[in-house]
Amino acid sequence: MGDGIFPLDWEVCFSTVEEYKRKLFEKYTASQEYNDFVIGGFKVLTDKIDAILNYALENFNVKLSPVSLWLYGVR
């Protein structure tokens, strides 16, 4: 994975949201003390991810197929 906390797009482009969160957690815990200080906790990140996903699902006028919902980790 890249050097930053967020995985590179090509590293997670076929991941579900939950798989992305697991990869993000692995990177987060590698420098947890620093990341807690800068970000405020891992839950802050996952809450933002969930908020973005919920906004996208509720507000975009695109009919998502069951396959695309699966790809986004929505069950």
PDB file of N, CA and C in Angstrom:
ATOM      1  N   MET A   1       0.830  -1.177   0.000  1.00  0.00           N
ATOM      2  CA  MET A   1       0.000   0.000   0.000  1.00  0.00           C
ATOM      3  C   MET A   1       0.876   1.243   0.000  1.00  0.00           C
ATOM      4  N   GLY A   2       0.270   2.345  -0.386  1.00  0.00           N
ATOM      5  CA  GLY A   2       1.003   3.604  -0.425  1.00  0.00           C
ATOM      6  C   GLY A   2       1.439   4.055   0.963  1.00  0.00           C
ATOM      7  N   ASP A   3       2.134   5.168   1.012  1.00  0.00           N
ATOM      8  CA  ASP A   3       2.686   5.653   2.271  1.00  0.00           C
ATOM      9  C   ASP A   3       1.662   6.351   3.161  1.00  0.00           C
ATOM     10  N   GLY A   4       0.608   6.928   2.599  1.00  0.00           N
ATOM     11  CA  GLY A   4      -0.385   7.643   3.402  1.00  0.00           C
ATOM     12  C   GLY A   4      -1.316   6.686   4.105  1.00  0.00           C
ATOM     13  N   ILE A   5      -2.229   7.238   4.890  1.00  0.00           N
ATOM     14  CA  ILE A   5      -3.173   6.381   5.607  1.00  0.00           C
ATOM     15  C   ILE A   5      -4.220   5.793   4.673  1.00  0.00           C
ATOM     16  N   PHE A   6      -4.634   6.553   3.665  1.00  0.00           N
ATOM     17  CA  PHE A   6      -5.678   6.052   2.777  1.00  0.00           C
ATOM     18  C   PHE A   6      -5.075   5.156   1.699  1.00  0.00           C
ATOM     19  N   PRO A   7      -5.633   3.946   1.537  1.00  0.00           N
ATOM     20  CA  PRO A   7      -5.145   3.074   0.468  1.00  0.00           C
ATOM     21  C   PRO A   7      -5.317   3.747  -0.893  1.00  0.00           C
ATOM     22  N   LEU A   8      -4.426   3.445  -1.808  1.00  0.00           N
ATOM     23  CA  LEU A   8      -4.515   3.992  -3.154  1.00  0.00           C
ATOM     24  C   LEU A   8      -5.744   3.425  -3.861  1.00  0.00           C
ATOM     25  N   ASP A   9      -6.313   4.196  -4.787  1.00  0.00           N
ATOM     26  CA  ASP A   9      -7.520   3.762  -5.490  1.00  0.00           C
ATOM     27  C   ASP A   9      -7.381   2.369  -6.087  1.00  0.00           C
ATOM     28  N   TRP A  10      -6.254   2.110  -6.741  1.00  0.00           N
ATOM     29  CA  TRP A  10      -6.104   0.818  -7.405  1.00  0.00           C
ATOM     30  C   TRP A  10      -5.965  -0.318  -6.406  1.00  0.00           C
ATOM     31  N   GLU A  11      -5.645  -0.005  -5.165  1.00  0.00           N
ATOM     32  CA  GLU A  11      -5.519  -1.044  -4.151  1.00  0.00           C
ATOM     33  C   GLU A  11      -6.868  -1.486  -3.603  1.00  0.00           C
ATOM     34  N   VAL A  12      -7.881  -0.661  -3.757  1.00  0.00           N
ATOM     35  CA  VAL A  12      -9.182  -0.970  -3.175  1.00  0.00           C
ATOM     36  C   VAL A  12     -10.342  -0.836  -4.164  1.00  0.00           C
ATOM     37  N   CYS A  13     -10.063  -0.647  -5.422  1.00  0.00           N
ATOM     38  CA  CYS A  13     -11.131  -0.348  -6.375  1.00  0.00           C
ATOM     39  C   CYS A  13     -12.156  -1.474  -6.502  1.00  0.00           C
ATOM     40  N   PHE A  14     -11.791  -2.697  -6.174  1.00  0.00           N
ATOM     41  CA  PHE A  14     -12.745  -3.794  -6.260  1.00  0.00           C
ATOM     42  C   PHE A  14     -13.168  -4.279  -4.877  1.00  0.00           C
ATOM     43  N   SER A  15     -12.881  -3.495  -3.853  1.00  0.00           N
ATOM     44  CA  SER A  15     -13.229  -3.856  -2.480  1.00  0.00           C
ATOM     45  C   SER A  15     -14.633  -3.370  -2.138  1.00  0.00           C
ATOM     46  N   THR A  16     -15.277  -4.075  -1.220  1.00  0.00           N
ATOM     47  CA  THR A  16     -16.520  -3.563  -0.655  1.00  0.00           C
ATOM     48  C   THR A  16     -16.146  -2.491   0.367  1.00  0.00           C
ATOM     49  N   VAL A  17     -17.130  -1.780   0.862  1.00  0.00           N
ATOM     50  CA  VAL A  17     -16.873  -0.748   1.861  1.00  0.00           C
ATOM     51  C   VAL A  17     -16.245  -1.374   3.110  1.00  0.00           C
ATOM     52  N   GLU A  18     -16.735  -2.527   3.519  1.00  0.00           N
ATOM     53  CA  GLU A  18     -16.192  -3.184   4.720  1.00  0.00           C
ATOM     54  C   GLU A  18     -14.759  -3.653   4.491  1.00  0.00           C
ATOM     55  N   GLU A  19     -14.445  -4.143   3.307  1.00  0.00           N
ATOM     56  CA  GLU A  19     -13.061  -4.529   2.994  1.00  0.00           C
ATOM     57  C   GLU A  19     -12.158  -3.300   3.004  1.00  0.00           C
ATOM     58  N   TYR A  20     -12.655  -2.188   2.473  1.00  0.00           N
ATOM     59  CA  TYR A  20     -11.894  -0.937   2.484  1.00  0.00           C
ATOM     60  C   TYR A  20     -11.610  -0.504   3.920  1.00  0.00           C
ATOM     61  N   LYS A  21     -12.625  -0.592   4.784  1.00  0.00           N
ATOM     62  CA  LYS A  21     -12.444  -0.210   6.178  1.00  0.00           C
ATOM     63  C   LYS A  21     -11.401  -1.095   6.865  1.00  0.00           C
ATOM     64  N   ARG A  22     -11.394  -2.382   6.547  1.00  0.00           N
ATOM     65  CA  ARG A  22     -10.389  -3.279   7.140  1.00  0.00           C
ATOM     66  C   ARG A  22      -8.981  -2.879   6.711  1.00  0.00           C
ATOM     67  N   LYS A  23      -8.807  -2.571   5.428  1.00  0.00           N
ATOM     68  CA  LYS A  23      -7.493  -2.150   4.940  1.00  0.00           C
ATOM     69  C   LYS A  23      -7.090  -0.814   5.562  1.00  0.00           C
ATOM     70  N   LEU A  24      -8.037   0.080   5.692  1.00  0.00           N
ATOM     71  CA  LEU A  24      -7.774   1.366   6.311  1.00  0.00           C
ATOM     72  C   LEU A  24      -7.383   1.183   7.782  1.00  0.00           C
ATOM     73  N   PHE A  25      -8.045   0.267   8.478  1.00  0.00           N
ATOM     74  CA  PHE A  25      -7.725  -0.009   9.873  1.00  0.00           C
ATOM     75  C   PHE A  25      -6.298  -0.528  10.021  1.00  0.00           C
ATOM     76  N   GLU A  26      -5.879  -1.403   9.111  1.00  0.00           N
ATOM     77  CA  GLU A  26      -4.503  -1.925   9.145  1.00  0.00           C
ATOM     78  C   GLU A  26      -3.497  -0.785   9.040  1.00  0.00           C
ATOM     79  N   LYS A  27      -3.745   0.135   8.125  1.00  0.00           N
ATOM     80  CA  LYS A  27      -2.833   1.269   7.961  1.00  0.00           C
ATOM     81  C   LYS A  27      -2.927   2.219   9.143  1.00  0.00           C
ATOM     82  N   TYR A  28      -4.122   2.414   9.659  1.00  0.00           N
ATOM     83  CA  TYR A  28      -4.331   3.321  10.785  1.00  0.00           C
ATOM     84  C   TYR A  28      -3.560   2.846  12.012  1.00  0.00           C
ATOM     85  N   THR A  29      -3.648   1.561  12.303  1.00  0.00           N
ATOM     86  CA  THR A  29      -3.020   1.039  13.516  1.00  0.00           C
ATOM     87  C   THR A  29      -1.501   0.985  13.420  1.00  0.00           C
ATOM     88  N   ALA A  30      -0.960   1.076  12.218  1.00  0.00           N
ATOM     89  CA  ALA A  30       0.498   1.084  12.071  1.00  0.00           C
ATOM     90  C   ALA A  30       1.115   2.308  12.753  1.00  0.00           C
ATOM     91  N   SER A  31       0.380   3.413  12.801  1.00  0.00           N
ATOM     92  CA  SER A  31       0.822   4.644  13.486  1.00  0.00           C
ATOM     93  C   SER A  31      -0.345   5.186  14.306  1.00  0.00           C
ATOM     94  N   GLN A  32      -0.891   4.339  15.146  1.00  0.00           N
ATOM     95  CA  GLN A  32      -2.143   4.669  15.822  1.00  0.00           C
ATOM     96  C   GLN A  32      -2.049   5.912  16.698  1.00  0.00           C
ATOM     97  N   GLU A  33      -0.999   6.056  17.463  1.00  0.00           N
ATOM     98  CA  GLU A  33      -0.899   7.217  18.353  1.00  0.00           C
ATOM     99  C   GLU A  33      -0.945   8.520  17.559  1.00  0.00           C
ATOM    100  N   TYR A  34      -0.181   8.570  16.480  1.00  0.00           N
ATOM    101  CA  TYR A  34      -0.164   9.759  15.622  1.00  0.00           C
ATOM    102  C   TYR A  34      -1.530   9.978  14.982  1.00  0.00           C
ATOM    103  N   ASN A  35      -2.103   8.910  14.418  1.00  0.00           N
ATOM    104  CA  ASN A  35      -3.392   9.037  13.736  1.00  0.00           C
ATOM    105  C   ASN A  35      -4.504   9.422  14.708  1.00  0.00           C
ATOM    106  N   ASP A  36      -4.473   8.893  15.936  1.00  0.00           N
ATOM    107  CA  ASP A  36      -5.465   9.296  16.931  1.00  0.00           C
ATOM    108  C   ASP A  36      -5.353  10.793  17.214  1.00  0.00           C
ATOM    109  N   PHE A  37      -4.125  11.278  17.307  1.00  0.00           N
ATOM    110  CA  PHE A  37      -3.907  12.697  17.581  1.00  0.00           C
ATOM    111  C   PHE A  37      -4.409  13.566  16.424  1.00  0.00           C
ATOM    112  N   VAL A  38      -4.094  13.164  15.198  1.00  0.00           N
ATOM    113  CA  VAL A  38      -4.440  13.969  14.026  1.00  0.00           C
ATOM    114  C   VAL A  38      -5.915  13.823  13.653  1.00  0.00           C
ATOM    115  N   ILE A  39      -6.410  12.592  13.682  1.00  0.00           N
ATOM    116  CA  ILE A  39      -7.760  12.320  13.172  1.00  0.00           C
ATOM    117  C   ILE A  39      -8.797  12.283  14.287  1.00  0.00           C
ATOM    118  N   GLY A  40      -8.392  11.825  15.444  1.00  0.00           N
ATOM    119  CA  GLY A  40      -9.323  11.777  16.561  1.00  0.00           C
ATOM    120  C   GLY A  40      -9.906  10.411  16.824  1.00  0.00           C
ATOM    121  N   GLY A  41      -9.416   9.408  16.156  1.00  0.00           N
ATOM    122  CA  GLY A  41      -9.898   8.045  16.370  1.00  0.00           C
ATOM    123  C   GLY A  41     -10.361   7.403  15.081  1.00  0.00           C
ATOM    124  N   PHE A  42     -10.221   6.105  15.028  1.00  0.00           N
ATOM    125  CA  PHE A  42     -10.592   5.371  13.810  1.00  0.00           C
ATOM    126  C   PHE A  42     -12.083   5.495  13.524  1.00  0.00           C
ATOM    127  N   LYS A  43     -12.898   5.536  14.568  1.00  0.00           N
ATOM    128  CA  LYS A  43     -14.350   5.640  14.368  1.00  0.00           C
ATOM    129  C   LYS A  43     -14.721   6.925  13.631  1.00  0.00           C
ATOM    130  N   VAL A  44     -13.945   7.980  13.819  1.00  0.00           N
ATOM    131  CA  VAL A  44     -14.189   9.226  13.089  1.00  0.00           C
ATOM    132  C   VAL A  44     -14.125   8.959  11.579  1.00  0.00           C
ATOM    133  N   LEU A  45     -13.120   8.177  11.159  1.00  0.00           N
ATOM    134  CA  LEU A  45     -12.987   7.845   9.732  1.00  0.00           C
ATOM    135  C   LEU A  45     -14.149   6.998   9.242  1.00  0.00           C
ATOM    136  N   THR A  46     -14.476   5.945   9.986  1.00  0.00           N
ATOM    137  CA  THR A  46     -15.551   5.060   9.518  1.00  0.00           C
ATOM    138  C   THR A  46     -16.897   5.776   9.519  1.00  0.00           C
ATOM    139  N   ASP A  47     -17.113   6.677  10.476  1.00  0.00           N
ATOM    140  CA  ASP A  47     -18.359   7.449  10.465  1.00  0.00           C
ATOM    141  C   ASP A  47     -18.451   8.331   9.224  1.00  0.00           C
ATOM    142  N   LYS A  48     -17.334   8.922   8.821  1.00  0.00           N
ATOM    143  CA  LYS A  48     -17.322   9.753   7.607  1.00  0.00           C
ATOM    144  C   LYS A  48     -17.560   8.899   6.361  1.00  0.00           C
ATOM    145  N   ILE A  49     -16.941   7.735   6.306  1.00  0.00           N
ATOM    146  CA  ILE A  49     -17.152   6.827   5.169  1.00  0.00           C
ATOM    147  C   ILE A  49     -18.626   6.452   5.076  1.00  0.00           C
ATOM    148  N   ASP A  50     -19.220   6.084   6.216  1.00  0.00           N
ATOM    149  CA  ASP A  50     -20.633   5.710   6.235  1.00  0.00           C
ATOM    150  C   ASP A  50     -21.526   6.881   5.834  1.00  0.00           C
ATOM    151  N   ALA A  51     -21.196   8.075   6.294  1.00  0.00           N
ATOM    152  CA  ALA A  51     -21.999   9.258   5.941  1.00  0.00           C
ATOM    153  C   ALA A  51     -21.937   9.529   4.437  1.00  0.00           C
ATOM    154  N   ILE A  52     -20.759   9.406   3.859  1.00  0.00           N
ATOM    155  CA  ILE A  52     -20.615   9.618   2.409  1.00  0.00           C
ATOM    156  C   ILE A  52     -21.389   8.564   1.639  1.00  0.00           C
ATOM    157  N   LEU A  53     -21.275   7.309   2.052  1.00  0.00           N
ATOM    158  CA  LEU A  53     -21.997   6.231   1.381  1.00  0.00           C
ATOM    159  C   LEU A  53     -23.500   6.436   1.492  1.00  0.00           C
ATOM    160  N   ASN A  54     -23.979   6.757   2.684  1.00  0.00           N
ATOM    161  CA  ASN A  54     -25.417   6.987   2.868  1.00  0.00           C
ATOM    162  C   ASN A  54     -25.909   8.163   2.034  1.00  0.00           C
ATOM    163  N   TYR A  55     -25.133   9.241   1.990  1.00  0.00           N
ATOM    164  CA  TYR A  55     -25.508  10.392   1.173  1.00  0.00           C
ATOM    165  C   TYR A  55     -25.612   9.978  -0.295  1.00  0.00           C
ATOM    166  N   ALA A  56     -24.619   9.245  -0.756  1.00  0.00           N
ATOM    167  CA  ALA A  56     -24.617   8.819  -2.165  1.00  0.00           C
ATOM    168  C   ALA A  56     -25.822   7.940  -2.472  1.00  0.00           C
ATOM    169  N   LEU A  57     -26.112   6.999  -1.586  1.00  0.00           N
ATOM    170  CA  LEU A  57     -27.231   6.086  -1.827  1.00  0.00           C
ATOM    171  C   LEU A  57     -28.576   6.806  -1.771  1.00  0.00           C
ATOM    172  N   GLU A  58     -28.688   7.826  -0.938  1.00  0.00           N
ATOM    173  CA  GLU A  58     -29.957   8.524  -0.777  1.00  0.00           C
ATOM    174  C   GLU A  58     -30.177   9.645  -1.789  1.00  0.00           C
ATOM    175  N   ASN A  59     -29.108  10.252  -2.278  1.00  0.00           N
ATOM    176  CA  ASN A  59     -29.259  11.491  -3.031  1.00  0.00           C
ATOM    177  C   ASN A  59     -28.923  11.431  -4.518  1.00  0.00           C
ATOM    178  N   PHE A  60     -28.302  10.399  -4.954  1.00  0.00           N
ATOM    179  CA  PHE A  60     -27.996  10.318  -6.376  1.00  0.00           C
ATOM    180  C   PHE A  60     -29.161   9.660  -7.095  1.00  0.00           C
ATOM    181  N   ASN A  61     -29.551  10.232  -8.203  1.00  0.00           N
ATOM    182  CA  ASN A  61     -30.694   9.733  -8.962  1.00  0.00           C
ATOM    183  C   ASN A  61     -30.260   8.628  -9.916  1.00  0.00           C
ATOM    184  N   VAL A  62     -29.600   7.663  -9.366  1.00  0.00           N
ATOM    185  CA  VAL A  62     -29.133   6.528 -10.154  1.00  0.00           C
ATOM    186  C   VAL A  62     -29.716   5.278  -9.524  1.00  0.00           C
ATOM    187  N   LYS A  63     -30.354   4.487 -10.338  1.00  0.00           N
ATOM    188  CA  LYS A  63     -30.893   3.233  -9.829  1.00  0.00           C
ATOM    189  C   LYS A  63     -29.749   2.230  -9.770  1.00  0.00           C
ATOM    190  N   LEU A  64     -29.424   1.789  -8.566  1.00  0.00           N
ATOM    191  CA  LEU A  64     -28.330   0.845  -8.399  1.00  0.00           C
ATOM    192  C   LEU A  64     -28.856  -0.584  -8.496  1.00  0.00           C
ATOM    193  N   SER A  65     -28.169  -1.369  -9.246  1.00  0.00           N
ATOM    194  CA  SER A  65     -28.545  -2.769  -9.375  1.00  0.00           C
ATOM    195  C   SER A  65     -28.075  -3.526  -8.135  1.00  0.00           C
ATOM    196  N   PRO A  66     -28.630  -4.709  -7.879  1.00  0.00           N
ATOM    197  CA  PRO A  66     -28.151  -5.506  -6.746  1.00  0.00           C
ATOM    198  C   PRO A  66     -26.642  -5.776  -6.817  1.00  0.00           C
ATOM    199  N   VAL A  67     -26.104  -5.916  -8.024  1.00  0.00           N
ATOM    200  CA  VAL A  67     -24.669  -6.162  -8.174  1.00  0.00           C
ATOM    201  C   VAL A  67     -23.871  -4.948  -7.716  1.00  0.00           C
ATOM    202  N   SER A  68     -24.272  -3.755  -8.120  1.00  0.00           N
ATOM    203  CA  SER A  68     -23.529  -2.569  -7.705  1.00  0.00           C
ATOM    204  C   SER A  68     -23.667  -2.334  -6.206  1.00  0.00           C
ATOM    205  N   LEU A  69     -24.827  -2.626  -5.635  1.00  0.00           N
ATOM    206  CA  LEU A  69     -24.977  -2.513  -4.176  1.00  0.00           C
ATOM    207  C   LEU A  69     -24.039  -3.484  -3.471  1.00  0.00           C
ATOM    208  N   TRP A  70     -23.906  -4.684  -4.016  1.00  0.00           N
ATOM    209  CA  TRP A  70     -22.981  -5.661  -3.436  1.00  0.00           C
ATOM    210  C   TRP A  70     -21.553  -5.159  -3.496  1.00  0.00           C
ATOM    211  N   LEU A  71     -21.175  -4.552  -4.614  1.00  0.00           N
ATOM    212  CA  LEU A  71     -19.820  -4.034  -4.756  1.00  0.00           C
ATOM    213  C   LEU A  71     -19.528  -2.954  -3.721  1.00  0.00           C
ATOM    214  N   TYR A  72     -20.536  -2.172  -3.354  1.00  0.00           N
ATOM    215  CA  TYR A  72     -20.358  -1.130  -2.351  1.00  0.00           C
ATOM    216  C   TYR A  72     -20.503  -1.651  -0.932  1.00  0.00           C
ATOM    217  N   GLY A  73     -20.747  -2.939  -0.791  1.00  0.00           N
ATOM    218  CA  GLY A  73     -20.833  -3.519   0.541  1.00  0.00           C
ATOM    219  C   GLY A  73     -22.164  -3.312   1.217  1.00  0.00           C
ATOM    220  N   VAL A  74     -23.178  -2.921   0.438  1.00  0.00           N
ATOM    221  CA  VAL A  74     -24.503  -2.720   1.007  1.00  0.00           C
ATOM    222  C   VAL A  74     -25.236  -4.046   0.946  1.00  0.00           C
ATOM    223  N   ARG A  75     -25.639  -4.506   2.104  1.00  0.00           N
ATOM    224  CA  ARG A  75     -26.330  -5.800   2.164  1.00  0.00           C
ATOM    225  C   ARG A  75     -27.748  -5.601   2.637  1.00  0.00           C
TER     226      ARG A  75
END
